[in-house]
Amino acid sequence: MNVDMKPKNERLSYNPEAAKIATLRVSADNPKVPVTTISEMLSLSPTTVWNHVNAMKAGGLITRDGSARGGKWLITD
């Protein structure tokens, strides 16, 4: 028996602002990274990352240059 296992009902804390900042950092480090890769890197669902990306786009923090497949993320000033 593994005594280090956490009970199933114990949830990890989730900080949406920290997740947005992490998403922004990953995008800045690799502008061509797909959302699915960001989600894997941050252990978040792709839907959660898309929600953060859309919120940052609506807030004017990031834009997409080019197509969904061949474009890149740009961090705005």
PDB file of N, CA and C in Angstrom:
ATOM      1  N   MET A   1       0.835  -1.175   0.000  1.00  0.00           N
ATOM      2  CA  MET A   1       0.000   0.000   0.000  1.00  0.00           C
ATOM      3  C   MET A   1       0.884   1.244   0.000  1.00  0.00           C
ATOM      4  N   ASN A   2       0.530   2.195  -0.826  1.00  0.00           N
ATOM      5  CA  ASN A   2       1.283   3.427  -0.932  1.00  0.00           C
ATOM      6  C   ASN A   2       0.710   4.447   0.054  1.00  0.00           C
ATOM      7  N   VAL A   3       1.460   4.798   1.070  1.00  0.00           N
ATOM      8  CA  VAL A   3       0.968   5.706   2.101  1.00  0.00           C
ATOM      9  C   VAL A   3       1.043   7.169   1.672  1.00  0.00           C
ATOM     10  N   ASP A   4       1.711   7.458   0.545  1.00  0.00           N
ATOM     11  CA  ASP A   4       1.838   8.823   0.079  1.00  0.00           C
ATOM     12  C   ASP A   4       0.645   9.273  -0.766  1.00  0.00           C
ATOM     13  N   MET A   5      -0.256   8.376  -1.058  1.00  0.00           N
ATOM     14  CA  MET A   5      -1.396   8.726  -1.906  1.00  0.00           C
ATOM     15  C   MET A   5      -2.363   9.634  -1.154  1.00  0.00           C
ATOM     16  N   LYS A   6      -2.861  10.643  -1.845  1.00  0.00           N
ATOM     17  CA  LYS A   6      -3.824  11.552  -1.257  1.00  0.00           C
ATOM     18  C   LYS A   6      -5.227  10.993  -1.460  1.00  0.00           C
ATOM     19  N   PRO A   7      -6.131  11.288  -0.565  1.00  0.00           N
ATOM     20  CA  PRO A   7      -7.509  10.847  -0.768  1.00  0.00           C
ATOM     21  C   PRO A   7      -8.072  11.438  -2.057  1.00  0.00           C
ATOM     22  N   LYS A   8      -8.968  10.704  -2.705  1.00  0.00           N
ATOM     23  CA  LYS A   8      -9.519  11.152  -3.976  1.00  0.00           C
ATOM     24  C   LYS A   8     -10.288  12.461  -3.850  1.00  0.00           C
ATOM     25  N   ASN A   9     -10.878  12.701  -2.696  1.00  0.00           N
ATOM     26  CA  ASN A   9     -11.680  13.906  -2.563  1.00  0.00           C
ATOM     27  C   ASN A   9     -10.853  15.149  -2.239  1.00  0.00           C
ATOM     28  N   GLU A  10      -9.550  15.009  -2.032  1.00  0.00           N
ATOM     29  CA  GLU A  10      -8.686  16.156  -1.765  1.00  0.00           C
ATOM     30  C   GLU A  10      -8.296  16.790  -3.091  1.00  0.00           C
ATOM     31  N   ARG A  11      -8.641  18.051  -3.268  1.00  0.00           N
ATOM     32  CA  ARG A  11      -8.370  18.746  -4.510  1.00  0.00           C
ATOM     33  C   ARG A  11      -7.157  19.650  -4.356  1.00  0.00           C
ATOM     34  N   LEU A  12      -6.420  19.772  -5.430  1.00  0.00           N
ATOM     35  CA  LEU A  12      -5.316  20.715  -5.452  1.00  0.00           C
ATOM     36  C   LEU A  12      -5.890  22.106  -5.626  1.00  0.00           C
ATOM     37  N   SER A  13      -5.254  23.086  -5.037  1.00  0.00           N
ATOM     38  CA  SER A  13      -5.738  24.453  -5.205  1.00  0.00           C
ATOM     39  C   SER A  13      -5.422  24.923  -6.622  1.00  0.00           C
ATOM     40  N   TYR A  14      -6.298  25.736  -7.164  1.00  0.00           N
ATOM     41  CA  TYR A  14      -6.146  26.241  -8.523  1.00  0.00           C
ATOM     42  C   TYR A  14      -6.251  27.753  -8.483  1.00  0.00           C
ATOM     43  N   ASN A  15      -5.268  28.412  -9.035  1.00  0.00           N
ATOM     44  CA  ASN A  15      -5.231  29.859  -9.066  1.00  0.00           C
ATOM     45  C   ASN A  15      -5.307  30.300 -10.529  1.00  0.00           C
ATOM     46  N   PRO A  16      -6.471  30.812 -10.975  1.00  0.00           N
ATOM     47  CA  PRO A  16      -6.619  31.183 -12.380  1.00  0.00           C
ATOM     48  C   PRO A  16      -5.636  32.267 -12.838  1.00  0.00           C
ATOM     49  N   GLU A  17      -5.341  33.213 -11.977  1.00  0.00           N
ATOM     50  CA  GLU A  17      -4.404  34.275 -12.366  1.00  0.00           C
ATOM     51  C   GLU A  17      -2.998  33.722 -12.570  1.00  0.00           C
ATOM     52  N   ALA A  18      -2.594  32.798 -11.720  1.00  0.00           N
ATOM     53  CA  ALA A  18      -1.282  32.164 -11.879  1.00  0.00           C
ATOM     54  C   ALA A  18      -1.240  31.345 -13.167  1.00  0.00           C
ATOM     55  N   ALA A  19      -2.351  30.698 -13.502  1.00  0.00           N
ATOM     56  CA  ALA A  19      -2.422  29.917 -14.735  1.00  0.00           C
ATOM     57  C   ALA A  19      -2.338  30.832 -15.952  1.00  0.00           C
ATOM     58  N   LYS A  20      -2.965  31.999 -15.898  1.00  0.00           N
ATOM     59  CA  LYS A  20      -2.881  32.957 -17.007  1.00  0.00           C
ATOM     60  C   LYS A  20      -1.446  33.447 -17.174  1.00  0.00           C
ATOM     61  N   ILE A  21      -0.782  33.748 -16.078  1.00  0.00           N
ATOM     62  CA  ILE A  21       0.600  34.208 -16.143  1.00  0.00           C
ATOM     63  C   ILE A  21       1.500  33.107 -16.706  1.00  0.00           C
ATOM     64  N   ALA A  22       1.286  31.883 -16.270  1.00  0.00           N
ATOM     65  CA  ALA A  22       2.083  30.764 -16.785  1.00  0.00           C
ATOM     66  C   ALA A  22       1.836  30.574 -18.278  1.00  0.00           C
ATOM     67  N   THR A  23       0.587  30.697 -18.706  1.00  0.00           N
ATOM     68  CA  THR A  23       0.259  30.586 -20.127  1.00  0.00           C
ATOM     69  C   THR A  23       0.958  31.686 -20.911  1.00  0.00           C
ATOM     70  N   LEU A  24       0.955  32.880 -20.376  1.00  0.00           N
ATOM     71  CA  LEU A  24       1.613  34.015 -21.022  1.00  0.00           C
ATOM     72  C   LEU A  24       3.114  33.792 -21.131  1.00  0.00           C
ATOM     73  N   ARG A  25       3.717  33.266 -20.088  1.00  0.00           N
ATOM     74  CA  ARG A  25       5.163  33.000 -20.104  1.00  0.00           C
ATOM     75  C   ARG A  25       5.531  31.943 -21.138  1.00  0.00           C
ATOM     76  N   VAL A  26       4.744  30.876 -21.194  1.00  0.00           N
ATOM     77  CA  VAL A  26       5.016  29.821 -22.177  1.00  0.00           C
ATOM     78  C   VAL A  26       4.881  30.392 -23.580  1.00  0.00           C
ATOM     79  N   SER A  27       3.862  31.212 -23.811  1.00  0.00           N
ATOM     80  CA  SER A  27       3.653  31.826 -25.123  1.00  0.00           C
ATOM     81  C   SER A  27       4.794  32.767 -25.487  1.00  0.00           C
ATOM     82  N   ALA A  28       5.311  33.480 -24.508  1.00  0.00           N
ATOM     83  CA  ALA A  28       6.418  34.403 -24.766  1.00  0.00           C
ATOM     84  C   ALA A  28       7.700  33.642 -25.091  1.00  0.00           C
ATOM     85  N   ASP A  29       7.924  32.527 -24.402  1.00  0.00           N
ATOM     86  CA  ASP A  29       9.131  31.725 -24.631  1.00  0.00           C
ATOM     87  C   ASP A  29       9.111  31.014 -25.978  1.00  0.00           C
ATOM     88  N   ASN A  30       7.921  30.609 -26.417  1.00  0.00           N
ATOM     89  CA  ASN A  30       7.783  29.890 -27.672  1.00  0.00           C
ATOM     90  C   ASN A  30       6.497  30.362 -28.349  1.00  0.00           C
ATOM     91  N   PRO A  31       6.568  31.407 -29.158  1.00  0.00           N
ATOM     92  CA  PRO A  31       5.363  32.000 -29.738  1.00  0.00           C
ATOM     93  C   PRO A  31       4.558  31.067 -30.646  1.00  0.00           C
ATOM     94  N   LYS A  32       5.169  30.011 -31.142  1.00  0.00           N
ATOM     95  CA  LYS A  32       4.458  29.104 -32.049  1.00  0.00           C
ATOM     96  C   LYS A  32       3.865  27.896 -31.336  1.00  0.00           C
ATOM     97  N   VAL A  33       3.943  27.870 -30.015  1.00  0.00           N
ATOM     98  CA  VAL A  33       3.460  26.717 -29.257  1.00  0.00           C
ATOM     99  C   VAL A  33       1.931  26.630 -29.351  1.00  0.00           C
ATOM    100  N   PRO A  34       1.403  25.423 -29.633  1.00  0.00           N
ATOM    101  CA  PRO A  34      -0.048  25.257 -29.678  1.00  0.00           C
ATOM    102  C   PRO A  34      -0.650  25.200 -28.271  1.00  0.00           C
ATOM    103  N   VAL A  35      -1.917  25.525 -28.185  1.00  0.00           N
ATOM    104  CA  VAL A  35      -2.620  25.516 -26.904  1.00  0.00           C
ATOM    105  C   VAL A  35      -2.583  24.121 -26.277  1.00  0.00           C
ATOM    106  N   THR A  36      -2.677  23.087 -27.087  1.00  0.00           N
ATOM    107  CA  THR A  36      -2.651  21.723 -26.532  1.00  0.00           C
ATOM    108  C   THR A  36      -1.327  21.440 -25.832  1.00  0.00           C
ATOM    109  N   THR A  37      -0.239  21.948 -26.379  1.00  0.00           N
ATOM    110  CA  THR A  37       1.065  21.768 -25.741  1.00  0.00           C
ATOM    111  C   THR A  37       1.153  22.566 -24.452  1.00  0.00           C
ATOM    112  N   ILE A  38       0.626  23.789 -24.465  1.00  0.00           N
ATOM    113  CA  ILE A  38       0.609  24.597 -23.239  1.00  0.00           C
ATOM    114  C   ILE A  38      -0.182  23.863 -22.162  1.00  0.00           C
ATOM    115  N   SER A  39      -1.315  23.288 -22.542  1.00  0.00           N
ATOM    116  CA  SER A  39      -2.150  22.592 -21.556  1.00  0.00           C
ATOM    117  C   SER A  39      -1.405  21.408 -20.948  1.00  0.00           C
ATOM    118  N   GLU A  40      -0.650  20.684 -21.758  1.00  0.00           N
ATOM    119  CA  GLU A  40       0.129  19.557 -21.242  1.00  0.00           C
ATOM    120  C   GLU A  40       1.253  20.042 -20.324  1.00  0.00           C
ATOM    121  N   MET A  41       1.905  21.131 -20.703  1.00  0.00           N
ATOM    122  CA  MET A  41       3.009  21.660 -19.907  1.00  0.00           C
ATOM    123  C   MET A  41       2.542  22.144 -18.540  1.00  0.00           C
ATOM    124  N   LEU A  42       1.335  22.712 -18.498  1.00  0.00           N
ATOM    125  CA  LEU A  42       0.819  23.282 -17.257  1.00  0.00           C
ATOM    126  C   LEU A  42      -0.131  22.350 -16.515  1.00  0.00           C
ATOM    127  N   SER A  43      -0.350  21.163 -17.054  1.00  0.00           N
ATOM    128  CA  SER A  43      -1.276  20.186 -16.468  1.00  0.00           C
ATOM    129  C   SER A  43      -2.678  20.774 -16.309  1.00  0.00           C
ATOM    130  N   LEU A  44      -3.114  21.469 -17.346  1.00  0.00           N
ATOM    131  CA  LEU A  44      -4.454  22.025 -17.403  1.00  0.00           C
ATOM    132  C   LEU A  44      -5.163  21.445 -18.620  1.00  0.00           C
ATOM    133  N   SER A  45      -6.472  21.499 -18.625  1.00  0.00           N
ATOM    134  CA  SER A  45      -7.205  21.021 -19.792  1.00  0.00           C
ATOM    135  C   SER A  45      -7.055  22.038 -20.923  1.00  0.00           C
ATOM    136  N   PRO A  46      -7.130  21.578 -22.174  1.00  0.00           N
ATOM    137  CA  PRO A  46      -7.064  22.524 -23.296  1.00  0.00           C
ATOM    138  C   PRO A  46      -8.165  23.583 -23.225  1.00  0.00           C
ATOM    139  N   THR A  47      -9.345  23.209 -22.751  1.00  0.00           N
ATOM    140  CA  THR A  47     -10.439  24.178 -22.621  1.00  0.00           C
ATOM    141  C   THR A  47     -10.077  25.285 -21.639  1.00  0.00           C
ATOM    142  N   THR A  48      -9.452  24.932 -20.532  1.00  0.00           N
ATOM    143  CA  THR A  48      -9.031  25.929 -19.545  1.00  0.00           C
ATOM    144  C   THR A  48      -8.008  26.882 -20.152  1.00  0.00           C
ATOM    145  N   VAL A  49      -7.058  26.342 -20.884  1.00  0.00           N
ATOM    146  CA  VAL A  49      -6.040  27.194 -21.506  1.00  0.00           C
ATOM    147  C   VAL A  49      -6.686  28.101 -22.548  1.00  0.00           C
ATOM    148  N   TRP A  50      -7.620  27.549 -23.355  1.00  0.00           N
ATOM    149  CA  TRP A  50      -8.328  28.381 -24.337  1.00  0.00           C
ATOM    150  C   TRP A  50      -9.089  29.505 -23.654  1.00  0.00           C
ATOM    151  N   ASN A  51      -9.719  29.208 -22.524  1.00  0.00           N
ATOM    152  CA  ASN A  51     -10.429  30.254 -21.782  1.00  0.00           C
ATOM    153  C   ASN A  51      -9.471  31.355 -21.341  1.00  0.00           C
ATOM    154  N   HIS A  52      -8.286  30.974 -20.869  1.00  0.00           N
ATOM    155  CA  HIS A  52      -7.284  31.961 -20.461  1.00  0.00           C
ATOM    156  C   HIS A  52      -6.783  32.755 -21.665  1.00  0.00           C
ATOM    157  N   VAL A  53      -6.533  32.071 -22.772  1.00  0.00           N
ATOM    158  CA  VAL A  53      -6.072  32.741 -23.988  1.00  0.00           C
ATOM    159  C   VAL A  53      -7.125  33.739 -24.462  1.00  0.00           C
ATOM    160  N   ASN A  54      -8.385  33.319 -24.490  1.00  0.00           N
ATOM    161  CA  ASN A  54      -9.451  34.220 -24.936  1.00  0.00           C
ATOM    162  C   ASN A  54      -9.597  35.421 -24.014  1.00  0.00           C
ATOM    163  N   ALA A  55      -9.448  35.209 -22.715  1.00  0.00           N
ATOM    164  CA  ALA A  55      -9.521  36.319 -21.762  1.00  0.00           C
ATOM    165  C   ALA A  55      -8.360  37.287 -21.982  1.00  0.00           C
ATOM    166  N   MET A  56      -7.168  36.755 -22.245  1.00  0.00           N
ATOM    167  CA  MET A  56      -6.010  37.615 -22.472  1.00  0.00           C
ATOM    168  C   MET A  56      -6.127  38.341 -23.813  1.00  0.00           C
ATOM    169  N   LYS A  57      -6.702  37.675 -24.822  1.00  0.00           N
ATOM    170  CA  LYS A  57      -6.944  38.343 -26.098  1.00  0.00           C
ATOM    171  C   LYS A  57      -7.958  39.473 -25.928  1.00  0.00           C
ATOM    172  N   ALA A  58      -9.031  39.218 -25.192  1.00  0.00           N
ATOM    173  CA  ALA A  58     -10.059  40.240 -24.953  1.00  0.00           C
ATOM    174  C   ALA A  58      -9.495  41.408 -24.147  1.00  0.00           C
ATOM    175  N   GLY A  59      -8.558  41.124 -23.266  1.00  0.00           N
ATOM    176  CA  GLY A  59      -7.931  42.158 -22.462  1.00  0.00           C
ATOM    177  C   GLY A  59      -6.788  42.872 -23.164  1.00  0.00           C
ATOM    178  N   GLY A  60      -6.477  42.451 -24.385  1.00  0.00           N
ATOM    179  CA  GLY A  60      -5.422  43.100 -25.151  1.00  0.00           C
ATOM    180  C   GLY A  60      -4.010  42.706 -24.766  1.00  0.00           C
ATOM    181  N   LEU A  61      -3.860  41.616 -24.011  1.00  0.00           N
ATOM    182  CA  LEU A  61      -2.516  41.187 -23.603  1.00  0.00           C
ATOM    183  C   LEU A  61      -1.775  40.423 -24.692  1.00  0.00           C
ATOM    184  N   ILE A  62      -2.519  39.651 -25.493  1.00  0.00           N
ATOM    185  CA  ILE A  62      -1.903  38.871 -26.555  1.00  0.00           C
ATOM    186  C   ILE A  62      -2.737  38.989 -27.826  1.00  0.00           C
ATOM    187  N   THR A  63      -2.090  38.733 -28.946  1.00  0.00           N
ATOM    188  CA  THR A  63      -2.766  38.651 -30.234  1.00  0.00           C
ATOM    189  C   THR A  63      -2.182  37.465 -30.981  1.00  0.00           C
ATOM    190  N   ARG A  64      -2.887  37.044 -32.003  1.00  0.00           N
ATOM    191  CA  ARG A  64      -2.414  35.948 -32.845  1.00  0.00           C
ATOM    192  C   ARG A  64      -2.024  36.524 -34.188  1.00  0.00           C
ATOM    193  N   ASP A  65      -0.794  36.279 -34.617  1.00  0.00           N
ATOM    194  CA  ASP A  65      -0.317  36.718 -35.917  1.00  0.00           C
ATOM    195  C   ASP A  65      -0.294  35.511 -36.835  1.00  0.00           C
ATOM    196  N   GLY A  66      -1.134  35.512 -37.846  1.00  0.00           N
ATOM    197  CA  GLY A  66      -1.178  34.404 -38.783  1.00  0.00           C
ATOM    198  C   GLY A  66      -2.310  33.447 -38.468  1.00  0.00           C
ATOM    199  N   SER A  67      -2.257  32.299 -39.115  1.00  0.00           N
ATOM    200  CA  SER A  67      -3.327  31.314 -38.992  1.00  0.00           C
ATOM    201  C   SER A  67      -3.236  30.541 -37.680  1.00  0.00           C
ATOM    202  N   ALA A  68      -4.281  29.778 -37.417  1.00  0.00           N
ATOM    203  CA  ALA A  68      -4.308  28.978 -36.193  1.00  0.00           C
ATOM    204  C   ALA A  68      -3.199  27.929 -36.189  1.00  0.00           C
ATOM    205  N   ARG A  69      -2.879  27.388 -37.336  1.00  0.00           N
ATOM    206  CA  ARG A  69      -1.838  26.356 -37.398  1.00  0.00           C
ATOM    207  C   ARG A  69      -0.433  26.916 -37.607  1.00  0.00           C
ATOM    208  N   GLY A  70      -0.317  27.943 -38.411  1.00  0.00           N
ATOM    209  CA  GLY A  70       1.016  28.436 -38.754  1.00  0.00           C
ATOM    210  C   GLY A  70       1.383  29.752 -38.115  1.00  0.00           C
ATOM    211  N   GLY A  71       0.495  30.298 -37.301  1.00  0.00           N
ATOM    212  CA  GLY A  71       0.741  31.602 -36.700  1.00  0.00           C
ATOM    213  C   GLY A  71       1.554  31.529 -35.427  1.00  0.00           C
ATOM    214  N   LYS A  72       1.647  32.686 -34.798  1.00  0.00           N
ATOM    215  CA  LYS A  72       2.380  32.742 -33.530  1.00  0.00           C
ATOM    216  C   LYS A  72       1.692  33.741 -32.609  1.00  0.00           C
ATOM    217  N   TRP A  73       1.914  33.565 -31.315  1.00  0.00           N
ATOM    218  CA  TRP A  73       1.358  34.458 -30.301  1.00  0.00           C
ATOM    219  C   TRP A  73       2.272  35.661 -30.159  1.00  0.00           C
ATOM    220  N   LEU A  74       1.669  36.837 -30.073  1.00  0.00           N
ATOM    221  CA  LEU A  74       2.427  38.068 -29.852  1.00  0.00           C
ATOM    222  C   LEU A  74       1.956  38.679 -28.530  1.00  0.00           C
ATOM    223  N   ILE A  75       2.901  39.029 -27.698  1.00  0.00           N
ATOM    224  CA  ILE A  75       2.600  39.693 -26.431  1.00  0.00           C
ATOM    225  C   ILE A  75       2.553  41.184 -26.727  1.00  0.00           C
ATOM    226  N   THR A  76       1.442  41.828 -26.398  1.00  0.00           N
ATOM    227  CA  THR A  76       1.295  43.259 -26.672  1.00  0.00           C
ATOM    228  C   THR A  76       1.794  44.075 -25.499  1.00  0.00           C
ATOM    229  N   ASP A  77       2.169  45.283 -25.765  1.00  0.00           N
ATOM    230  CA  ASP A  77       2.658  46.172 -24.707  1.00  0.00           C
ATOM    231  C   ASP A  77       1.565  47.055 -24.191  1.00  0.00           C
TER     232      ASP A  77
END
